[in-house]
Amino acid sequence: MGLKTILFGLAIWGIYLIIRHLVRQRSIDQTTSREVKSVESVECAHCGLHLPKTEAVAKNGVYYCSKEHLIAAESSKPTDHE
C-alpha cells in the first residue's frame, strides 16, 4: 500500500511539473513573439536631421523636419532669371 501511494504521488508531481513547464513556455512565447514595428525615416534636406517619414514635411519628394526648414530651403535656392 505504501509503495503504491509513493508512486502515485510521484506520477502526480511529474504531471504537475510538465503542465507548469508548458504554461511557462507558452507565456514566454507570447511575450517574445510580439512583432517590433519598424518606422521608415527620412533626412531633412535643410539640416540633416533624421525623423519618421510620417512626421516630415514633404514637397516634390524632398523631406524637411519643419515648415520653417522647407521655407528656408526654398528661399536659399538660386532663382533662374532670364
PDB file of N, CA and C in Angstrom:
ATOM      1  N   MET A   1       0.830  -1.187   0.000  1.00  0.00           N
ATOM      2  CA  MET A   1       0.000   0.000   0.000  1.00  0.00           C
ATOM      3  C   MET A   1       0.872   1.247   0.000  1.00  0.00           C
ATOM      4  N   GLY A   2       1.950   1.305   0.759  1.00  0.00           N
ATOM      5  CA  GLY A   2       2.811   2.476   0.860  1.00  0.00           C
ATOM      6  C   GLY A   2       3.554   2.753  -0.441  1.00  0.00           C
ATOM      7  N   LEU A   3       4.015   1.724  -1.130  1.00  0.00           N
ATOM      8  CA  LEU A   3       4.741   1.900  -2.385  1.00  0.00           C
ATOM      9  C   LEU A   3       3.828   2.457  -3.471  1.00  0.00           C
ATOM     10  N   LYS A   4       2.582   1.962  -3.503  1.00  0.00           N
ATOM     11  CA  LYS A   4       1.620   2.459  -4.492  1.00  0.00           C
ATOM     12  C   LYS A   4       1.328   3.941  -4.260  1.00  0.00           C
ATOM     13  N   THR A   5       1.225   4.359  -3.028  1.00  0.00           N
ATOM     14  CA  THR A   5       0.948   5.760  -2.699  1.00  0.00           C
ATOM     15  C   THR A   5       2.115   6.648  -3.118  1.00  0.00           C
ATOM     16  N   ILE A   6       3.327   6.185  -2.864  1.00  0.00           N
ATOM     17  CA  ILE A   6       4.508   6.957  -3.247  1.00  0.00           C
ATOM     18  C   ILE A   6       4.599   7.076  -4.763  1.00  0.00           C
ATOM     19  N   LEU A   7       4.390   6.007  -5.502  1.00  0.00           N
ATOM     20  CA  LEU A   7       4.435   6.044  -6.960  1.00  0.00           C
ATOM     21  C   LEU A   7       3.333   6.930  -7.532  1.00  0.00           C
ATOM     22  N   PHE A   8       2.141   6.870  -6.939  1.00  0.00           N
ATOM     23  CA  PHE A   8       1.027   7.710  -7.373  1.00  0.00           C
ATOM     24  C   PHE A   8       1.368   9.190  -7.141  1.00  0.00           C
ATOM     25  N   GLY A   9       1.943   9.487  -5.993  1.00  0.00           N
ATOM     26  CA  GLY A   9       2.339  10.859  -5.688  1.00  0.00           C
ATOM     27  C   GLY A   9       3.405  11.368  -6.654  1.00  0.00           C
ATOM     28  N   LEU A  10       4.382  10.517  -6.965  1.00  0.00           N
ATOM     29  CA  LEU A  10       5.415  10.897  -7.932  1.00  0.00           C
ATOM     30  C   LEU A  10       4.830  11.131  -9.326  1.00  0.00           C
ATOM     31  N   ALA A  11       3.857  10.321  -9.708  1.00  0.00           N
ATOM     32  CA  ALA A  11       3.216  10.498 -11.008  1.00  0.00           C
ATOM     33  C   ALA A  11       2.466  11.828 -11.053  1.00  0.00           C
ATOM     34  N   ILE A  12       1.732  12.146  -9.999  1.00  0.00           N
ATOM     35  CA  ILE A  12       1.005  13.424  -9.923  1.00  0.00           C
ATOM     36  C   ILE A  12       2.006  14.585  -9.955  1.00  0.00           C
ATOM     37  N   TRP A  13       3.085  14.474  -9.192  1.00  0.00           N
ATOM     38  CA  TRP A  13       4.114  15.515  -9.163  1.00  0.00           C
ATOM     39  C   TRP A  13       4.739  15.700 -10.554  1.00  0.00           C
ATOM     40  N   GLY A  14       5.008  14.622 -11.260  1.00  0.00           N
ATOM     41  CA  GLY A  14       5.569  14.693 -12.611  1.00  0.00           C
ATOM     42  C   GLY A  14       4.607  15.378 -13.581  1.00  0.00           C
ATOM     43  N   ILE A  15       3.333  15.045 -13.504  1.00  0.00           N
ATOM     44  CA  ILE A  15       2.331  15.690 -14.360  1.00  0.00           C
ATOM     45  C   ILE A  15       2.261  17.178 -14.053  1.00  0.00           C
ATOM     46  N   TYR A  16       2.315  17.543 -12.777  1.00  0.00           N
ATOM     47  CA  TYR A  16       2.298  18.944 -12.372  1.00  0.00           C
ATOM     48  C   TYR A  16       3.487  19.697 -12.962  1.00  0.00           C
ATOM     49  N   LEU A  17       4.672  19.108 -12.889  1.00  0.00           N
ATOM     50  CA  LEU A  17       5.873  19.764 -13.428  1.00  0.00           C
ATOM     51  C   LEU A  17       5.787  19.952 -14.941  1.00  0.00           C
ATOM     52  N   ILE A  18       5.255  18.959 -15.638  1.00  0.00           N
ATOM     53  CA  ILE A  18       5.122  19.056 -17.096  1.00  0.00           C
ATOM     54  C   ILE A  18       4.138  20.167 -17.473  1.00  0.00           C
ATOM     55  N   ILE A  19       2.997  20.206 -16.791  1.00  0.00           N
ATOM     56  CA  ILE A  19       1.991  21.234 -17.073  1.00  0.00           C
ATOM     57  C   ILE A  19       2.550  22.617 -16.760  1.00  0.00           C
ATOM     58  N   ARG A  20       3.245  22.758 -15.641  1.00  0.00           N
ATOM     59  CA  ARG A  20       3.823  24.046 -15.267  1.00  0.00           C
ATOM     60  C   ARG A  20       4.841  24.504 -16.314  1.00  0.00           C
ATOM     61  N   HIS A  21       5.659  23.584 -16.803  1.00  0.00           N
ATOM     62  CA  HIS A  21       6.644  23.914 -17.832  1.00  0.00           C
ATOM     63  C   HIS A  21       5.945  24.380 -19.115  1.00  0.00           C
ATOM     64  N   LEU A  22       4.900  23.682 -19.531  1.00  0.00           N
ATOM     65  CA  LEU A  22       4.189  24.054 -20.752  1.00  0.00           C
ATOM     66  C   LEU A  22       3.526  25.421 -20.631  1.00  0.00           C
ATOM     67  N   VAL A  23       2.951  25.710 -19.467  1.00  0.00           N
ATOM     68  CA  VAL A  23       2.305  27.009 -19.256  1.00  0.00           C
ATOM     69  C   VAL A  23       3.337  28.124 -19.284  1.00  0.00           C
ATOM     70  N   ARG A  24       4.464  27.929 -18.634  1.00  0.00           N
ATOM     71  CA  ARG A  24       5.516  28.948 -18.642  1.00  0.00           C
ATOM     72  C   ARG A  24       6.087  29.150 -20.036  1.00  0.00           C
ATOM     73  N   GLN A  25       6.281  28.077 -20.766  1.00  0.00           N
ATOM     74  CA  GLN A  25       6.820  28.172 -22.118  1.00  0.00           C
ATOM     75  C   GLN A  25       5.859  28.928 -23.022  1.00  0.00           C
ATOM     76  N   ARG A  26       4.578  28.697 -22.843  1.00  0.00           N
ATOM     77  CA  ARG A  26       3.570  29.388 -23.658  1.00  0.00           C
ATOM     78  C   ARG A  26       3.572  30.886 -23.363  1.00  0.00           C
ATOM     79  N   SER A  27       3.688  31.262 -22.094  1.00  0.00           N
ATOM     80  CA  SER A  27       3.705  32.682 -21.757  1.00  0.00           C
ATOM     81  C   SER A  27       4.981  33.354 -22.264  1.00  0.00           C
ATOM     82  N   ILE A  28       6.094  32.650 -22.249  1.00  0.00           N
ATOM     83  CA  ILE A  28       7.347  33.190 -22.784  1.00  0.00           C
ATOM     84  C   ILE A  28       7.228  33.376 -24.292  1.00  0.00           C
ATOM     85  N   ASP A  29       6.643  32.405 -24.988  1.00  0.00           N
ATOM     86  CA  ASP A  29       6.474  32.501 -26.435  1.00  0.00           C
ATOM     87  C   ASP A  29       5.581  33.672 -26.806  1.00  0.00           C
ATOM     88  N   GLN A  30       4.559  33.928 -26.034  1.00  0.00           N
ATOM     89  CA  GLN A  30       3.645  35.031 -26.332  1.00  0.00           C
ATOM     90  C   GLN A  30       4.329  36.378 -26.140  1.00  0.00           C
ATOM     91  N   THR A  31       5.158  36.509 -25.132  1.00  0.00           N
ATOM     92  CA  THR A  31       5.816  37.794 -24.897  1.00  0.00           C
ATOM     93  C   THR A  31       6.933  38.050 -25.900  1.00  0.00           C
ATOM     94  N   THR A  32       7.610  37.022 -26.368  1.00  0.00           N
ATOM     95  CA  THR A  32       8.705  37.216 -27.318  1.00  0.00           C
ATOM     96  C   THR A  32       8.228  37.270 -28.760  1.00  0.00           C
ATOM     97  N   SER A  33       7.010  36.846 -29.034  1.00  0.00           N
ATOM     98  CA  SER A  33       6.539  36.834 -30.412  1.00  0.00           C
ATOM     99  C   SER A  33       5.915  38.155 -30.822  1.00  0.00           C
ATOM    100  N   ARG A  34       5.889  39.133 -29.938  1.00  0.00           N
ATOM    101  CA  ARG A  34       5.363  40.441 -30.313  1.00  0.00           C
ATOM    102  C   ARG A  34       6.271  41.050 -31.367  1.00  0.00           C
ATOM    103  N   GLU A  35       5.671  41.459 -32.437  1.00  0.00           N
ATOM    104  CA  GLU A  35       6.436  41.973 -33.564  1.00  0.00           C
ATOM    105  C   GLU A  35       6.806  43.433 -33.328  1.00  0.00           C
ATOM    106  N   VAL A  36       8.047  43.746 -33.601  1.00  0.00           N
ATOM    107  CA  VAL A  36       8.513  45.114 -33.469  1.00  0.00           C
ATOM    108  C   VAL A  36       8.191  45.837 -34.772  1.00  0.00           C
ATOM    109  N   LYS A  37       7.508  46.956 -34.650  1.00  0.00           N
ATOM    110  CA  LYS A  37       7.146  47.711 -35.838  1.00  0.00           C
ATOM    111  C   LYS A  37       8.285  48.655 -36.186  1.00  0.00           C
ATOM    112  N   SER A  38       8.705  48.599 -37.427  1.00  0.00           N
ATOM    113  CA  SER A  38       9.765  49.495 -37.857  1.00  0.00           C
ATOM    114  C   SER A  38       9.144  50.746 -38.477  1.00  0.00           C
ATOM    115  N   VAL A  39       9.858  51.819 -38.363  1.00  0.00           N
ATOM    116  CA  VAL A  39       9.382  53.101 -38.870  1.00  0.00           C
ATOM    117  C   VAL A  39      10.363  53.578 -39.925  1.00  0.00           C
ATOM    118  N   GLU A  40       9.829  53.950 -41.071  1.00  0.00           N
ATOM    119  CA  GLU A  40      10.688  54.474 -42.134  1.00  0.00           C
ATOM    120  C   GLU A  40      11.092  55.899 -41.775  1.00  0.00           C
ATOM    121  N   SER A  41      12.372  56.176 -41.850  1.00  0.00           N
ATOM    122  CA  SER A  41      12.849  57.516 -41.504  1.00  0.00           C
ATOM    123  C   SER A  41      13.415  58.204 -42.742  1.00  0.00           C
ATOM    124  N   VAL A  42      13.370  59.528 -42.696  1.00  0.00           N
ATOM    125  CA  VAL A  42      13.891  60.349 -43.781  1.00  0.00           C
ATOM    126  C   VAL A  42      14.804  61.413 -43.186  1.00  0.00           C
ATOM    127  N   GLU A  43      15.593  62.029 -44.050  1.00  0.00           N
ATOM    128  CA  GLU A  43      16.526  63.065 -43.608  1.00  0.00           C
ATOM    129  C   GLU A  43      16.049  64.424 -44.087  1.00  0.00           C
ATOM    130  N   CYS A  44      16.095  65.399 -43.200  1.00  0.00           N
ATOM    131  CA  CYS A  44      15.731  66.764 -43.562  1.00  0.00           C
ATOM    132  C   CYS A  44      16.766  67.284 -44.560  1.00  0.00           C
ATOM    133  N   ALA A  45      16.281  67.801 -45.687  1.00  0.00           N
ATOM    134  CA  ALA A  45      17.174  68.295 -46.736  1.00  0.00           C
ATOM    135  C   ALA A  45      17.884  69.577 -46.319  1.00  0.00           C
ATOM    136  N   HIS A  46      17.392  70.235 -45.299  1.00  0.00           N
ATOM    137  CA  HIS A  46      17.993  71.506 -44.876  1.00  0.00           C
ATOM    138  C   HIS A  46      19.039  71.313 -43.768  1.00  0.00           C
ATOM    139  N   CYS A  47      18.672  70.578 -42.709  1.00  0.00           N
ATOM    140  CA  CYS A  47      19.584  70.456 -41.559  1.00  0.00           C
ATOM    141  C   CYS A  47      20.165  69.062 -41.362  1.00  0.00           C
ATOM    142  N   GLY A  48      19.634  68.048 -42.052  1.00  0.00           N
ATOM    143  CA  GLY A  48      20.181  66.700 -41.945  1.00  0.00           C
ATOM    144  C   GLY A  48      19.602  65.862 -40.820  1.00  0.00           C
ATOM    145  N   LEU A  49      18.619  66.389 -40.107  1.00  0.00           N
ATOM    146  CA  LEU A  49      18.000  65.642 -39.020  1.00  0.00           C
ATOM    147  C   LEU A  49      17.228  64.456 -39.566  1.00  0.00           C
ATOM    148  N   HIS A  50      17.351  63.295 -38.923  1.00  0.00           N
ATOM    149  CA  HIS A  50      16.575  62.122 -39.301  1.00  0.00           C
ATOM    150  C   HIS A  50      15.317  62.078 -38.440  1.00  0.00           C
ATOM    151  N   LEU A  51      14.171  61.849 -39.089  1.00  0.00           N
ATOM    152  CA  LEU A  51      12.907  61.785 -38.369  1.00  0.00           C
ATOM    153  C   LEU A  51      11.983  60.821 -39.084  1.00  0.00           C
ATOM    154  N   PRO A  52      10.921  60.351 -38.378  1.00  0.00           N
ATOM    155  CA  PRO A  52       9.972  59.442 -39.024  1.00  0.00           C
ATOM    156  C   PRO A  52       9.320  60.106 -40.236  1.00  0.00           C
ATOM    157  N   LYS A  53       9.125  59.334 -41.274  1.00  0.00           N
ATOM    158  CA  LYS A  53       8.551  59.861 -42.508  1.00  0.00           C
ATOM    159  C   LYS A  53       7.165  60.445 -42.272  1.00  0.00           C
ATOM    160  N   THR A  54       6.428  59.871 -41.324  1.00  0.00           N
ATOM    161  CA  THR A  54       5.078  60.353 -41.039  1.00  0.00           C
ATOM    162  C   THR A  54       5.078  61.730 -40.400  1.00  0.00           C
ATOM    163  N   GLU A  55       6.177  62.144 -39.806  1.00  0.00           N
ATOM    164  CA  GLU A  55       6.263  63.455 -39.155  1.00  0.00           C
ATOM    165  C   GLU A  55       6.936  64.510 -40.038  1.00  0.00           C
ATOM    166  N   ALA A  56       7.450  64.103 -41.169  1.00  0.00           N
ATOM    167  CA  ALA A  56       8.188  65.021 -42.034  1.00  0.00           C
ATOM    168  C   ALA A  56       7.244  65.833 -42.916  1.00  0.00           C
ATOM    169  N   VAL A  57       7.748  66.985 -43.347  1.00  0.00           N
ATOM    170  CA  VAL A  57       7.040  67.833 -44.306  1.00  0.00           C
ATOM    171  C   VAL A  57       7.682  67.560 -45.666  1.00  0.00           C
ATOM    172  N   ALA A  58       6.849  67.166 -46.642  1.00  0.00           N
ATOM    173  CA  ALA A  58       7.390  66.795 -47.945  1.00  0.00           C
ATOM    174  C   ALA A  58       6.934  67.763 -49.027  1.00  0.00           C
ATOM    175  N   LYS A  59       7.833  68.002 -49.952  1.00  0.00           N
ATOM    176  CA  LYS A  59       7.494  68.809 -51.131  1.00  0.00           C
ATOM    177  C   LYS A  59       8.354  68.313 -52.286  1.00  0.00           C
ATOM    178  N   ASN A  60       7.705  67.890 -53.355  1.00  0.00           N
ATOM    179  CA  ASN A  60       8.375  67.378 -54.555  1.00  0.00           C
ATOM    180  C   ASN A  60       9.335  66.238 -54.230  1.00  0.00           C
ATOM    181  N   GLY A  61       8.952  65.368 -53.318  1.00  0.00           N
ATOM    182  CA  GLY A  61       9.771  64.216 -52.968  1.00  0.00           C
ATOM    183  C   GLY A  61      10.951  64.526 -52.071  1.00  0.00           C
ATOM    184  N   VAL A  62      11.048  65.752 -51.594  1.00  0.00           N
ATOM    185  CA  VAL A  62      12.125  66.154 -50.685  1.00  0.00           C
ATOM    186  C   VAL A  62      11.498  66.363 -49.315  1.00  0.00           C
ATOM    187  N   TYR A  63      12.170  65.881 -48.276  1.00  0.00           N
ATOM    188  CA  TYR A  63      11.612  65.917 -46.928  1.00  0.00           C
ATOM    189  C   TYR A  63      12.332  66.943 -46.050  1.00  0.00           C
ATOM    190  N   TYR A  64      11.542  67.582 -45.191  1.00  0.00           N
ATOM    191  CA  TYR A  64      12.056  68.573 -44.247  1.00  0.00           C
ATOM    192  C   TYR A  64      11.485  68.265 -42.866  1.00  0.00           C
ATOM    193  N   CYS A  65      12.185  68.699 -41.830  1.00  0.00           N
ATOM    194  CA  CYS A  65      11.733  68.418 -40.464  1.00  0.00           C
ATOM    195  C   CYS A  65      10.655  69.394 -40.006  1.00  0.00           C
ATOM    196  N   SER A  66      10.526  70.540 -40.682  1.00  0.00           N
ATOM    197  CA  SER A  66       9.510  71.515 -40.299  1.00  0.00           C
ATOM    198  C   SER A  66       9.183  72.410 -41.488  1.00  0.00           C
ATOM    199  N   LYS A  67       8.089  73.141 -41.370  1.00  0.00           N
ATOM    200  CA  LYS A  67       7.716  74.087 -42.420  1.00  0.00           C
ATOM    201  C   LYS A  67       8.751  75.203 -42.533  1.00  0.00           C
ATOM    202  N   GLU A  68       9.338  75.573 -41.405  1.00  0.00           N
ATOM    203  CA  GLU A  68      10.352  76.615 -41.403  1.00  0.00           C
ATOM    204  C   GLU A  68      11.567  76.210 -42.246  1.00  0.00           C
ATOM    205  N   HIS A  69      11.971  74.940 -42.139  1.00  0.00           N
ATOM    206  CA  HIS A  69      13.118  74.488 -42.926  1.00  0.00           C
ATOM    207  C   HIS A  69      12.753  74.351 -44.397  1.00  0.00           C
ATOM    208  N   LEU A  70      11.522  74.023 -44.687  1.00  0.00           N
ATOM    209  CA  LEU A  70      11.063  73.999 -46.076  1.00  0.00           C
ATOM    210  C   LEU A  70      11.155  75.400 -46.673  1.00  0.00           C
ATOM    211  N   ILE A  71      10.657  76.381 -45.943  1.00  0.00           N
ATOM    212  CA  ILE A  71      10.703  77.776 -46.408  1.00  0.00           C
ATOM    213  C   ILE A  71      12.149  78.262 -46.523  1.00  0.00           C
ATOM    214  N   ALA A  72      12.979  77.929 -45.528  1.00  0.00           N
ATOM    215  CA  ALA A  72      14.384  78.347 -45.558  1.00  0.00           C
ATOM    216  C   ALA A  72      15.113  77.723 -46.740  1.00  0.00           C
ATOM    217  N   ALA A  73      14.829  76.462 -47.027  1.00  0.00           N
ATOM    218  CA  ALA A  73      15.492  75.792 -48.148  1.00  0.00           C
ATOM    219  C   ALA A  73      15.036  76.391 -49.474  1.00  0.00           C
ATOM    220  N   GLU A  74      13.750  76.727 -49.577  1.00  0.00           N
ATOM    221  CA  GLU A  74      13.247  77.331 -50.810  1.00  0.00           C
ATOM    222  C   GLU A  74      13.809  78.734 -51.016  1.00  0.00           C
ATOM    223  N   SER A  75      13.959  79.479 -49.934  1.00  0.00           N
ATOM    224  CA  SER A  75      14.472  80.849 -50.069  1.00  0.00           C
ATOM    225  C   SER A  75      15.970  80.879 -50.360  1.00  0.00           C
ATOM    226  N   SER A  76      16.688  79.811 -50.020  1.00  0.00           N
ATOM    227  CA  SER A  76      18.132  79.773 -50.271  1.00  0.00           C
ATOM    228  C   SER A  76      18.467  79.235 -51.646  1.00  0.00           C
ATOM    229  N   LYS A  77      17.464  78.718 -52.375  1.00  0.00           N
ATOM    230  CA  LYS A  77      17.711  78.204 -53.729  1.00  0.00           C
ATOM    231  C   LYS A  77      17.949  79.371 -54.669  1.00  0.00           C
ATOM    232  N   PRO A  78      18.900  79.217 -55.578  1.00  0.00           N
ATOM    233  CA  PRO A  78      19.096  80.270 -56.584  1.00  0.00           C
ATOM    234  C   PRO A  78      17.941  80.266 -57.575  1.00  0.00           C
ATOM    235  N   THR A  79      17.492  81.431 -57.919  1.00  0.00           N
ATOM    236  CA  THR A  79      16.383  81.544 -58.862  1.00  0.00           C
ATOM    237  C   THR A  79      16.938  81.749 -60.255  1.00  0.00           C
ATOM    238  N   ASP A  80      16.250  81.207 -61.240  1.00  0.00           N
ATOM    239  CA  ASP A  80      16.664  81.324 -62.631  1.00  0.00           C
ATOM    240  C   ASP A  80      15.929  82.493 -63.275  1.00  0.00           C
ATOM    241  N   HIS A  81      16.620  83.601 -63.474  1.00  0.00           N
ATOM    242  CA  HIS A  81      16.029  84.762 -64.153  1.00  0.00           C
ATOM    243  C   HIS A  81      16.696  84.884 -65.519  1.00  0.00           C
ATOM    244  N   GLU A  82      15.885  84.953 -66.524  1.00  0.00           N
ATOM    245  CA  GLU A  82      16.468  85.062 -67.864  1.00  0.00           C
ATOM    246  C   GLU A  82      16.366  86.442 -68.387  1.00  0.00           C
TER     247      GLU A  82
END
